[in-house]
Amino acid sequence: MSAATALRTRFPAAARMPPPAREGGSGELAGLLRSGRAVVLTGAGCSTGSGIPDYRDAGGRWKGRQPMQYQQFLRSAAGRRRYWARSLLGWPRVAAATPNAGHRALASLEAYGAVTGVITQNVDGLHGRAGSRVVVDLHGRLDRVECLDCGAMGERDAFQERLWIANPQWGRLAAGDAPDGDADLDGVDYDRFRVPGCGRCGGVLKPAVVFFGEGVPRPRVDRAMGLMQAADTLLVAGSSLMVWSGYRFVRAARERGMRVVAVGLGLTRGEAELDFRVTDDCATVLAGLADALPA
């Protein structure tokens, strides 16, 4: 029984996924990178090794509550208070996270010339900190905030200080870990939480990320598609491809006649489009690829 087939047995929800792609090996993937160039699409599984939780289990199911929706953030002041209250306690974990072996390996593969760039669904900024030079932050960056009224951009660390000043009592609360700088926080009165407005116009501030239900800006998608023109392989690392913003690149790669390979512990929405998969920890596989290529 292959590792991917075993996942379907362990996670019944995975039965709704396409049948697992052929199980390949790290050596086969290394051969592709020696003879060609890959563009890499990364998801949450690439950052779990840095201590940042992911949303879904290996069968594609939500692990906890579904994240904040874009329209909910826009229309509900109560929703925004709840978001920022949890984010106040969750942001320090993301801010303290450091690149893992997988991030560093992708930077090395880019320097070697085997990778044209990274398209990431993650919002933690760890690819850039690891040394990758060509990175498309498809869903934005959590270390920045933007004003929905005047468009001003600011640093999250500075806004974090403003949140603490406005809500000093929240430092006594204990919260569990959640994805993307969120925190599990229950049984509290969010009505008492105060969210500062934009320092320029007093408007509504939002993290500079693409929420669920929000579209990815077209220039960002176009830049990501441009990276594929210089590659012959799309390597999907740590993404379930359950959202269209990532899956679209698998479809585009197939239309261009590119090879598509996935690395990670879970199944993907795109199993039917894969040439093969390597079912293993992302950091382990990527670090092995970097070591396997000539110095």
C-alpha atoms as a PDB file:
ATOM      1  CA  MET A   1       0.000   0.000   0.000  1.00  0.00           C
ATOM      2  CA  SER A   2       1.451   3.386  -1.000  1.00  0.00           C
ATOM      3  CA  ALA A   3       1.720   6.219   1.498  1.00  0.00           C
ATOM      4  CA  ALA A   4      -0.949   8.194  -0.385  1.00  0.00           C
ATOM      5  CA  THR A   5      -3.371   5.244  -0.433  1.00  0.00           C
ATOM      6  CA  ALA A   6      -2.802   4.762   3.305  1.00  0.00           C
ATOM      7  CA  LEU A   7      -3.855   8.388   3.818  1.00  0.00           C
ATOM      8  CA  ARG A   8      -7.192   7.730   2.149  1.00  0.00           C
ATOM      9  CA  THR A   9      -7.763   4.813   4.520  1.00  0.00           C
ATOM     10  CA  ARG A  10      -6.841   6.882   7.578  1.00  0.00           C
ATOM     11  CA  PHE A  11      -8.848   9.969   6.589  1.00  0.00           C
ATOM     12  CA  PRO A  12     -12.311   9.079   5.210  1.00  0.00           C
ATOM     13  CA  ALA A  13     -12.827  12.655   3.960  1.00  0.00           C
ATOM     14  CA  ALA A  14      -9.996  12.018   1.528  1.00  0.00           C
ATOM     15  CA  ALA A  15     -12.301   9.638  -0.327  1.00  0.00           C
ATOM     16  CA  ARG A  16     -13.808  12.744  -1.922  1.00  0.00           C
ATOM     17  CA  MET A  17     -10.398  13.542  -3.397  1.00  0.00           C
ATOM     18  CA  PRO A  18      -9.309  12.121  -6.753  1.00  0.00           C
ATOM     19  CA  PRO A  19      -7.417   8.812  -6.494  1.00  0.00           C
ATOM     20  CA  PRO A  20      -3.835   9.362  -5.334  1.00  0.00           C
ATOM     21  CA  ALA A  21      -1.289  10.055  -8.034  1.00  0.00           C
ATOM     22  CA  ARG A  22       1.567   7.647  -8.653  1.00  0.00           C
ATOM     23  CA  GLU A  23       4.006   7.580  -5.758  1.00  0.00           C
ATOM     24  CA  GLY A  24       7.419   8.697  -6.930  1.00  0.00           C
ATOM     25  CA  GLY A  25      10.631   9.270  -5.067  1.00  0.00           C
ATOM     26  CA  SER A  26      13.014  12.075  -4.212  1.00  0.00           C
ATOM     27  CA  GLY A  27      15.499  10.712  -6.728  1.00  0.00           C
ATOM     28  CA  GLU A  28      12.995  11.009  -9.573  1.00  0.00           C
ATOM     29  CA  LEU A  29      12.214  14.585  -8.543  1.00  0.00           C
ATOM     30  CA  ALA A  30      15.901  15.448  -8.299  1.00  0.00           C
ATOM     31  CA  GLY A  31      16.331  14.166 -11.845  1.00  0.00           C
ATOM     32  CA  LEU A  32      13.693  16.602 -13.099  1.00  0.00           C
ATOM     33  CA  LEU A  33      15.470  19.504 -11.429  1.00  0.00           C
ATOM     34  CA  ARG A  34      18.839  18.492 -12.842  1.00  0.00           C
ATOM     35  CA  SER A  35      17.481  18.469 -16.385  1.00  0.00           C
ATOM     36  CA  GLY A  36      15.062  21.409 -16.189  1.00  0.00           C
ATOM     37  CA  ARG A  37      13.691  24.223 -14.060  1.00  0.00           C
ATOM     38  CA  ALA A  38      10.766  24.311 -11.660  1.00  0.00           C
ATOM     39  CA  VAL A  39       8.473  26.981 -10.328  1.00  0.00           C
ATOM     40  CA  VAL A  40       7.361  26.131  -6.800  1.00  0.00           C
ATOM     41  CA  LEU A  41       3.893  26.646  -5.308  1.00  0.00           C
ATOM     42  CA  THR A  42       3.992  26.406  -1.511  1.00  0.00           C
ATOM     43  CA  GLY A  43       1.236  26.060   1.070  1.00  0.00           C
ATOM     44  CA  ALA A  44       0.864  25.770   4.812  1.00  0.00           C
ATOM     45  CA  GLY A  45       2.681  22.431   4.967  1.00  0.00           C
ATOM     46  CA  CYS A  46       5.867  24.268   4.099  1.00  0.00           C
ATOM     47  CA  SER A  47       5.669  26.353   7.304  1.00  0.00           C
ATOM     48  CA  THR A  48       4.414  23.853   9.871  1.00  0.00           C
ATOM     49  CA  GLY A  49       8.055  23.001  10.569  1.00  0.00           C
ATOM     50  CA  SER A  50       8.497  26.615  11.680  1.00  0.00           C
ATOM     51  CA  GLY A  51       5.748  26.251  14.280  1.00  0.00           C
ATOM     52  CA  ILE A  52       2.919  27.827  12.268  1.00  0.00           C
ATOM     53  CA  PRO A  53      -0.216  25.610  12.312  1.00  0.00           C
ATOM     54  CA  ASP A  54      -2.054  24.663   9.125  1.00  0.00           C
ATOM     55  CA  TYR A  55      -5.798  24.732   8.430  1.00  0.00           C
ATOM     56  CA  ARG A  56      -6.446  21.214   7.163  1.00  0.00           C
ATOM     57  CA  ASP A  57      -5.563  17.646   8.061  1.00  0.00           C
ATOM     58  CA  ALA A  58      -3.958  15.214   5.629  1.00  0.00           C
ATOM     59  CA  GLY A  59      -7.399  14.314   4.280  1.00  0.00           C
ATOM     60  CA  GLY A  60      -8.296  17.905   3.417  1.00  0.00           C
ATOM     61  CA  ARG A  61     -10.700  18.537   6.339  1.00  0.00           C
ATOM     62  CA  TRP A  62     -10.717  21.697   8.465  1.00  0.00           C
ATOM     63  CA  LYS A  63      -8.893  21.097  11.746  1.00  0.00           C
ATOM     64  CA  GLY A  64     -10.763  23.794  13.654  1.00  0.00           C
ATOM     65  CA  ARG A  65     -13.152  26.648  13.008  1.00  0.00           C
ATOM     66  CA  GLN A  66     -13.160  28.105   9.534  1.00  0.00           C
ATOM     67  CA  PRO A  67     -11.222  31.378   9.265  1.00  0.00           C
ATOM     68  CA  MET A  68     -12.595  34.896   9.032  1.00  0.00           C
ATOM     69  CA  GLN A  69     -14.415  35.608   5.776  1.00  0.00           C
ATOM     70  CA  TYR A  70     -13.747  38.797   3.846  1.00  0.00           C
ATOM     71  CA  GLN A  71     -17.340  40.039   3.806  1.00  0.00           C
ATOM     72  CA  GLN A  72     -17.673  39.375   7.532  1.00  0.00           C
ATOM     73  CA  PHE A  73     -14.619  41.520   8.227  1.00  0.00           C
ATOM     74  CA  LEU A  74     -15.914  44.323   6.007  1.00  0.00           C
ATOM     75  CA  ARG A  75     -19.477  44.438   7.301  1.00  0.00           C
ATOM     76  CA  SER A  76     -19.183  43.585  10.982  1.00  0.00           C
ATOM     77  CA  ALA A  77     -17.474  45.750  13.595  1.00  0.00           C
ATOM     78  CA  ALA A  78     -18.009  42.905  16.053  1.00  0.00           C
ATOM     79  CA  GLY A  79     -16.272  40.541  13.641  1.00  0.00           C
ATOM     80  CA  ARG A  80     -13.330  42.900  13.342  1.00  0.00           C
ATOM     81  CA  ARG A  81     -13.026  43.163  17.146  1.00  0.00           C
ATOM     82  CA  ARG A  82     -13.003  39.383  17.408  1.00  0.00           C
ATOM     83  CA  TYR A  83     -10.409  39.068  14.639  1.00  0.00           C
ATOM     84  CA  TRP A  84      -7.995  41.630  16.099  1.00  0.00           C
ATOM     85  CA  ALA A  85      -8.426  40.371  19.678  1.00  0.00           C
ATOM     86  CA  ARG A  86      -7.342  36.890  18.663  1.00  0.00           C
ATOM     87  CA  SER A  87      -4.676  38.232  16.350  1.00  0.00           C
ATOM     88  CA  LEU A  88      -3.204  40.321  19.161  1.00  0.00           C
ATOM     89  CA  LEU A  89      -2.350  37.086  20.970  1.00  0.00           C
ATOM     90  CA  GLY A  90      -1.525  35.033  17.872  1.00  0.00           C
ATOM     91  CA  TRP A  91       0.772  37.443  16.028  1.00  0.00           C
ATOM     92  CA  PRO A  92       3.820  37.033  18.337  1.00  0.00           C
ATOM     93  CA  ARG A  93       4.136  33.373  17.312  1.00  0.00           C
ATOM     94  CA  VAL A  94       4.296  34.296  13.614  1.00  0.00           C
ATOM     95  CA  ALA A  95       6.653  37.197  14.287  1.00  0.00           C
ATOM     96  CA  ALA A  96       9.034  34.880  16.142  1.00  0.00           C
ATOM     97  CA  ALA A  97       8.927  32.083  13.545  1.00  0.00           C
ATOM     98  CA  THR A  98      12.117  31.387  11.613  1.00  0.00           C
ATOM     99  CA  PRO A  99      12.650  29.680   8.247  1.00  0.00           C
ATOM    100  CA  ASN A 100      12.993  25.905   8.378  1.00  0.00           C
ATOM    101  CA  ALA A 101      15.088  23.552   6.273  1.00  0.00           C
ATOM    102  CA  GLY A 102      12.471  23.551   3.505  1.00  0.00           C
ATOM    103  CA  HIS A 103      12.529  27.339   3.119  1.00  0.00           C
ATOM    104  CA  ARG A 104      16.327  27.358   3.100  1.00  0.00           C
ATOM    105  CA  ALA A 105      16.436  24.523   0.564  1.00  0.00           C
ATOM    106  CA  LEU A 106      14.215  26.441  -1.880  1.00  0.00           C
ATOM    107  CA  ALA A 107      16.517  29.456  -1.601  1.00  0.00           C
ATOM    108  CA  SER A 108      19.478  27.181  -2.394  1.00  0.00           C
ATOM    109  CA  LEU A 109      17.665  25.613  -5.343  1.00  0.00           C
ATOM    110  CA  GLU A 110      16.923  29.082  -6.727  1.00  0.00           C
ATOM    111  CA  ALA A 111      20.587  30.102  -6.358  1.00  0.00           C
ATOM    112  CA  TYR A 112      21.585  26.897  -8.149  1.00  0.00           C
ATOM    113  CA  GLY A 113      19.219  27.746 -11.033  1.00  0.00           C
ATOM    114  CA  ALA A 114      16.875  24.786 -10.593  1.00  0.00           C
ATOM    115  CA  VAL A 115      13.986  26.967  -9.362  1.00  0.00           C
ATOM    116  CA  THR A 116      12.727  30.055 -11.196  1.00  0.00           C
ATOM    117  CA  GLY A 117      10.831  31.382  -8.187  1.00  0.00           C
ATOM    118  CA  VAL A 118       8.330  30.653  -5.438  1.00  0.00           C
ATOM    119  CA  ILE A 119       4.587  31.319  -5.543  1.00  0.00           C
ATOM    120  CA  THR A 120       3.420  31.042  -1.951  1.00  0.00           C
ATOM    121  CA  GLN A 121      -0.041  30.836  -0.443  1.00  0.00           C
ATOM    122  CA  ASN A 122       1.537  31.506   2.957  1.00  0.00           C
ATOM    123  CA  VAL A 123       1.478  34.955   4.546  1.00  0.00           C
ATOM    124  CA  ASP A 124       4.398  34.558   6.960  1.00  0.00           C
ATOM    125  CA  GLY A 125       7.202  36.020   4.813  1.00  0.00           C
ATOM    126  CA  LEU A 126       9.528  33.109   5.620  1.00  0.00           C
ATOM    127  CA  HIS A 127      10.615  32.448   2.029  1.00  0.00           C
ATOM    128  CA  GLY A 128      12.109  35.926   1.728  1.00  0.00           C
ATOM    129  CA  ARG A 129      13.763  35.651   5.122  1.00  0.00           C
ATOM    130  CA  ALA A 130      15.313  32.338   4.049  1.00  0.00           C
ATOM    131  CA  GLY A 131      16.977  34.032   1.075  1.00  0.00           C
ATOM    132  CA  SER A 132      14.603  33.349  -1.826  1.00  0.00           C
ATOM    133  CA  ARG A 133      14.817  36.360  -4.121  1.00  0.00           C
ATOM    134  CA  VAL A 134      11.891  35.711  -6.483  1.00  0.00           C
ATOM    135  CA  VAL A 135       8.771  35.310  -4.351  1.00  0.00           C
ATOM    136  CA  VAL A 136       5.141  36.068  -5.181  1.00  0.00           C
ATOM    137  CA  ASP A 137       3.208  36.438  -1.912  1.00  0.00           C
ATOM    138  CA  LEU A 138      -0.047  35.343  -3.492  1.00  0.00           C
ATOM    139  CA  HIS A 139      -2.143  35.985  -0.377  1.00  0.00           C
ATOM    140  CA  GLY A 140      -0.208  39.003   0.869  1.00  0.00           C
ATOM    141  CA  ARG A 141       1.848  39.472   4.027  1.00  0.00           C
ATOM    142  CA  LEU A 142       0.725  39.304   7.635  1.00  0.00           C
ATOM    143  CA  ASP A 143       3.491  41.655   8.786  1.00  0.00           C
ATOM    144  CA  ARG A 144       1.723  44.613   7.149  1.00  0.00           C
ATOM    145  CA  VAL A 145      -1.612  46.343   7.690  1.00  0.00           C
ATOM    146  CA  GLU A 146      -3.617  48.410   5.222  1.00  0.00           C
ATOM    147  CA  CYS A 147      -6.338  51.015   5.568  1.00  0.00           C
ATOM    148  CA  LEU A 148      -9.500  50.142   3.698  1.00  0.00           C
ATOM    149  CA  ASP A 149     -10.439  53.833   3.472  1.00  0.00           C
ATOM    150  CA  CYS A 150      -7.315  55.743   2.396  1.00  0.00           C
ATOM    151  CA  GLY A 151      -5.055  52.859   1.323  1.00  0.00           C
ATOM    152  CA  ALA A 152      -2.230  53.683   3.740  1.00  0.00           C
ATOM    153  CA  MET A 153       0.141  50.782   4.514  1.00  0.00           C
ATOM    154  CA  GLY A 154       1.901  50.200   7.813  1.00  0.00           C
ATOM    155  CA  GLU A 155       3.973  47.677   9.722  1.00  0.00           C
ATOM    156  CA  ARG A 156       2.182  45.112  11.847  1.00  0.00           C
ATOM    157  CA  ASP A 157       4.666  45.469  14.718  1.00  0.00           C
ATOM    158  CA  ALA A 158       3.732  49.136  15.093  1.00  0.00           C
ATOM    159  CA  PHE A 159       0.026  48.309  15.016  1.00  0.00           C
ATOM    160  CA  GLN A 160       0.619  45.538  17.540  1.00  0.00           C
ATOM    161  CA  GLU A 161       1.919  48.175  19.975  1.00  0.00           C
ATOM    162  CA  ARG A 162      -1.183  50.290  19.426  1.00  0.00           C
ATOM    163  CA  LEU A 163      -3.392  47.258  20.090  1.00  0.00           C
ATOM    164  CA  TRP A 164      -1.577  46.529  23.366  1.00  0.00           C
ATOM    165  CA  ILE A 165      -1.849  50.132  24.514  1.00  0.00           C
ATOM    166  CA  ALA A 166      -5.593  50.126  23.800  1.00  0.00           C
ATOM    167  CA  ASN A 167      -6.146  46.707  25.429  1.00  0.00           C
ATOM    168  CA  PRO A 168      -3.545  46.128  28.176  1.00  0.00           C
ATOM    169  CA  GLN A 169      -5.799  43.718  30.078  1.00  0.00           C
ATOM    170  CA  TRP A 170      -5.675  41.166  27.236  1.00  0.00           C
ATOM    171  CA  GLY A 171      -2.106  40.276  28.130  1.00  0.00           C
ATOM    172  CA  ARG A 172      -3.445  38.167  31.004  1.00  0.00           C
ATOM    173  CA  LEU A 173      -5.388  35.833  28.693  1.00  0.00           C
ATOM    174  CA  ALA A 174      -4.169  32.420  27.576  1.00  0.00           C
ATOM    175  CA  ALA A 175      -4.864  31.398  23.992  1.00  0.00           C
ATOM    176  CA  GLY A 176      -4.210  28.306  21.898  1.00  0.00           C
ATOM    177  CA  ASP A 177      -2.348  28.250  18.609  1.00  0.00           C
ATOM    178  CA  ALA A 178      -4.229  28.711  15.324  1.00  0.00           C
ATOM    179  CA  PRO A 179      -3.167  29.262  11.674  1.00  0.00           C
ATOM    180  CA  ASP A 180      -2.021  32.557  10.145  1.00  0.00           C
ATOM    181  CA  GLY A 181      -1.484  34.486  13.363  1.00  0.00           C
ATOM    182  CA  ASP A 182      -4.927  33.703  14.739  1.00  0.00           C
ATOM    183  CA  ALA A 183      -5.482  32.292  18.235  1.00  0.00           C
ATOM    184  CA  ASP A 184      -8.058  30.053  19.864  1.00  0.00           C
ATOM    185  CA  LEU A 185      -9.727  32.292  22.414  1.00  0.00           C
ATOM    186  CA  ASP A 186     -13.112  31.432  23.884  1.00  0.00           C
ATOM    187  CA  GLY A 187     -15.356  32.713  26.665  1.00  0.00           C
ATOM    188  CA  VAL A 188     -14.304  36.356  26.451  1.00  0.00           C
ATOM    189  CA  ASP A 189     -16.276  39.549  25.863  1.00  0.00           C
ATOM    190  CA  TYR A 190     -15.042  40.902  22.541  1.00  0.00           C
ATOM    191  CA  ASP A 191     -17.271  43.962  22.916  1.00  0.00           C
ATOM    192  CA  ARG A 192     -14.713  45.363  25.343  1.00  0.00           C
ATOM    193  CA  PHE A 193     -11.866  45.089  22.833  1.00  0.00           C
ATOM    194  CA  ARG A 194     -10.780  48.362  21.210  1.00  0.00           C
ATOM    195  CA  VAL A 195      -9.436  48.460  17.655  1.00  0.00           C
ATOM    196  CA  PRO A 196      -7.469  51.627  16.777  1.00  0.00           C
ATOM    197  CA  GLY A 197      -8.233  53.265  13.460  1.00  0.00           C
ATOM    198  CA  CYS A 198      -5.862  54.342  10.712  1.00  0.00           C
ATOM    199  CA  GLY A 199      -3.322  56.854  11.972  1.00  0.00           C
ATOM    200  CA  ARG A 200      -3.803  58.945   8.822  1.00  0.00           C
ATOM    201  CA  CYS A 201      -7.582  59.015   8.354  1.00  0.00           C
ATOM    202  CA  GLY A 202      -9.110  57.059  11.237  1.00  0.00           C
ATOM    203  CA  GLY A 203     -10.405  54.399   8.825  1.00  0.00           C
ATOM    204  CA  VAL A 204     -10.706  50.637   9.155  1.00  0.00           C
ATOM    205  CA  LEU A 205      -7.453  48.690   9.272  1.00  0.00           C
ATOM    206  CA  LYS A 206      -7.086  45.187   7.864  1.00  0.00           C
ATOM    207  CA  PRO A 207      -4.084  42.851   7.696  1.00  0.00           C
ATOM    208  CA  ALA A 208      -2.570  43.085   4.228  1.00  0.00           C
ATOM    209  CA  VAL A 209      -3.604  39.533   3.387  1.00  0.00           C
ATOM    210  CA  VAL A 210      -6.227  37.972   1.152  1.00  0.00           C
ATOM    211  CA  PHE A 211      -9.033  36.674   3.357  1.00  0.00           C
ATOM    212  CA  PHE A 212     -11.148  33.654   2.472  1.00  0.00           C
ATOM    213  CA  GLY A 213     -13.799  34.914   0.067  1.00  0.00           C
ATOM    214  CA  GLU A 214     -11.570  37.730  -1.220  1.00  0.00           C
ATOM    215  CA  GLY A 215     -10.000  37.729  -4.666  1.00  0.00           C
ATOM    216  CA  VAL A 216      -6.259  37.731  -5.269  1.00  0.00           C
ATOM    217  CA  PRO A 217      -5.229  40.995  -7.001  1.00  0.00           C
ATOM    218  CA  ARG A 218      -4.858  40.408 -10.737  1.00  0.00           C
ATOM    219  CA  PRO A 219      -1.307  41.847 -11.026  1.00  0.00           C
ATOM    220  CA  ARG A 220      -0.168  39.322  -8.418  1.00  0.00           C
ATOM    221  CA  VAL A 221      -1.716  36.432 -10.353  1.00  0.00           C
ATOM    222  CA  ASP A 222      -0.164  37.705 -13.588  1.00  0.00           C
ATOM    223  CA  ARG A 223       3.287  37.893 -11.991  1.00  0.00           C
ATOM    224  CA  ALA A 224       2.922  34.333 -10.710  1.00  0.00           C
ATOM    225  CA  MET A 225       1.839  33.101 -14.132  1.00  0.00           C
ATOM    226  CA  GLY A 226       4.880  34.849 -15.583  1.00  0.00           C
ATOM    227  CA  LEU A 227       7.200  32.731 -13.432  1.00  0.00           C
ATOM    228  CA  MET A 228       5.786  29.619 -15.068  1.00  0.00           C
ATOM    229  CA  GLN A 229       6.941  30.715 -18.511  1.00  0.00           C
ATOM    230  CA  ALA A 230      10.571  30.066 -17.593  1.00  0.00           C
ATOM    231  CA  ALA A 231       9.894  26.638 -16.063  1.00  0.00           C
ATOM    232  CA  ASP A 232       8.996  23.172 -17.310  1.00  0.00           C
ATOM    233  CA  THR A 233       7.842  21.746 -13.966  1.00  0.00           C
ATOM    234  CA  LEU A 234       5.413  22.969 -11.309  1.00  0.00           C
ATOM    235  CA  LEU A 235       6.394  21.662  -7.888  1.00  0.00           C
ATOM    236  CA  VAL A 236       3.574  21.882  -5.327  1.00  0.00           C
ATOM    237  CA  ALA A 237       4.982  21.791  -1.796  1.00  0.00           C
ATOM    238  CA  GLY A 238       2.720  21.514   1.227  1.00  0.00           C
ATOM    239  CA  SER A 239      -0.562  22.623  -0.338  1.00  0.00           C
ATOM    240  CA  SER A 240      -3.848  20.725  -0.445  1.00  0.00           C
ATOM    241  CA  LEU A 241      -4.861  22.901  -3.435  1.00  0.00           C
ATOM    242  CA  MET A 242      -8.352  23.092  -1.952  1.00  0.00           C
ATOM    243  CA  VAL A 243      -8.746  26.774  -2.855  1.00  0.00           C
ATOM    244  CA  TRP A 244      -8.818  28.017  -6.440  1.00  0.00           C
ATOM    245  CA  SER A 245      -6.093  30.607  -5.848  1.00  0.00           C
ATOM    246  CA  GLY A 246      -3.546  27.772  -5.762  1.00  0.00           C
ATOM    247  CA  TYR A 247      -5.241  25.099  -7.851  1.00  0.00           C
ATOM    248  CA  ARG A 248      -5.432  27.460 -10.841  1.00  0.00           C
ATOM    249  CA  PHE A 249      -1.650  27.099 -11.289  1.00  0.00           C
ATOM    250  CA  VAL A 250      -1.932  23.330 -11.592  1.00  0.00           C
ATOM    251  CA  ARG A 251      -4.568  23.761 -14.266  1.00  0.00           C
ATOM    252  CA  ALA A 252      -2.458  26.383 -16.043  1.00  0.00           C
ATOM    253  CA  ALA A 253       0.639  24.179 -15.875  1.00  0.00           C
ATOM    254  CA  ARG A 254      -1.237  21.317 -17.507  1.00  0.00           C
ATOM    255  CA  GLU A 255      -2.529  23.589 -20.259  1.00  0.00           C
ATOM    256  CA  ARG A 256       1.085  24.599 -20.954  1.00  0.00           C
ATOM    257  CA  GLY A 257       2.263  20.983 -21.063  1.00  0.00           C
ATOM    258  CA  MET A 258       4.344  21.292 -17.891  1.00  0.00           C
ATOM    259  CA  ARG A 259       5.057  18.430 -15.521  1.00  0.00           C
ATOM    260  CA  VAL A 260       3.321  18.726 -12.131  1.00  0.00           C
ATOM    261  CA  VAL A 261       4.656  17.088  -8.977  1.00  0.00           C
ATOM    262  CA  ALA A 262       3.424  17.385  -5.372  1.00  0.00           C
ATOM    263  CA  VAL A 263       5.403  16.983  -2.167  1.00  0.00           C
ATOM    264  CA  GLY A 264       3.743  16.756   1.238  1.00  0.00           C
ATOM    265  CA  LEU A 265       2.032  14.577   3.802  1.00  0.00           C
ATOM    266  CA  GLY A 266      -1.539  15.134   2.592  1.00  0.00           C
ATOM    267  CA  LEU A 267      -3.550  14.490  -0.526  1.00  0.00           C
ATOM    268  CA  THR A 268      -4.417  17.308  -2.919  1.00  0.00           C
ATOM    269  CA  ARG A 269      -7.340  18.429  -4.992  1.00  0.00           C
ATOM    270  CA  GLY A 270      -5.081  18.098  -8.023  1.00  0.00           C
ATOM    271  CA  GLU A 271      -4.124  14.405  -7.760  1.00  0.00           C
ATOM    272  CA  ALA A 272      -5.526  13.704 -11.235  1.00  0.00           C
ATOM    273  CA  GLU A 273      -3.211  16.320 -12.770  1.00  0.00           C
ATOM    274  CA  LEU A 274      -0.013  15.164 -11.037  1.00  0.00           C
ATOM    275  CA  ASP A 275       2.725  13.244 -12.842  1.00  0.00           C
ATOM    276  CA  PHE A 276       3.641  11.802  -9.458  1.00  0.00           C
ATOM    277  CA  ARG A 277       3.753  12.695  -5.779  1.00  0.00           C
ATOM    278  CA  VAL A 278       6.268  12.288  -2.960  1.00  0.00           C
ATOM    279  CA  THR A 279       4.365  11.644   0.264  1.00  0.00           C
ATOM    280  CA  ASP A 280       6.737  12.883   2.937  1.00  0.00           C
ATOM    281  CA  ASP A 281       7.508  15.918   5.053  1.00  0.00           C
ATOM    282  CA  CYS A 282       8.159  18.976   2.859  1.00  0.00           C
ATOM    283  CA  ALA A 283      11.256  20.150   4.695  1.00  0.00           C
ATOM    284  CA  THR A 284      12.830  16.686   4.549  1.00  0.00           C
ATOM    285  CA  VAL A 285      12.216  16.245   0.817  1.00  0.00           C
ATOM    286  CA  LEU A 286      13.252  19.780  -0.171  1.00  0.00           C
ATOM    287  CA  ALA A 287      16.435  19.654   1.913  1.00  0.00           C
ATOM    288  CA  GLY A 288      17.292  16.333   0.295  1.00  0.00           C
ATOM    289  CA  LEU A 289      16.797  17.841  -3.159  1.00  0.00           C
ATOM    290  CA  ALA A 290      19.157  20.708  -2.382  1.00  0.00           C
ATOM    291  CA  ASP A 291      21.774  18.256  -1.135  1.00  0.00           C
ATOM    292  CA  ALA A 292      21.352  15.993  -4.172  1.00  0.00           C
ATOM    293  CA  LEU A 293      22.187  18.668  -6.756  1.00  0.00           C
ATOM    294  CA  PRO A 294      25.861  19.320  -7.610  1.00  0.00           C
ATOM    295  CA  ALA A 295      27.574  22.104  -5.687  1.00  0.00           C
END
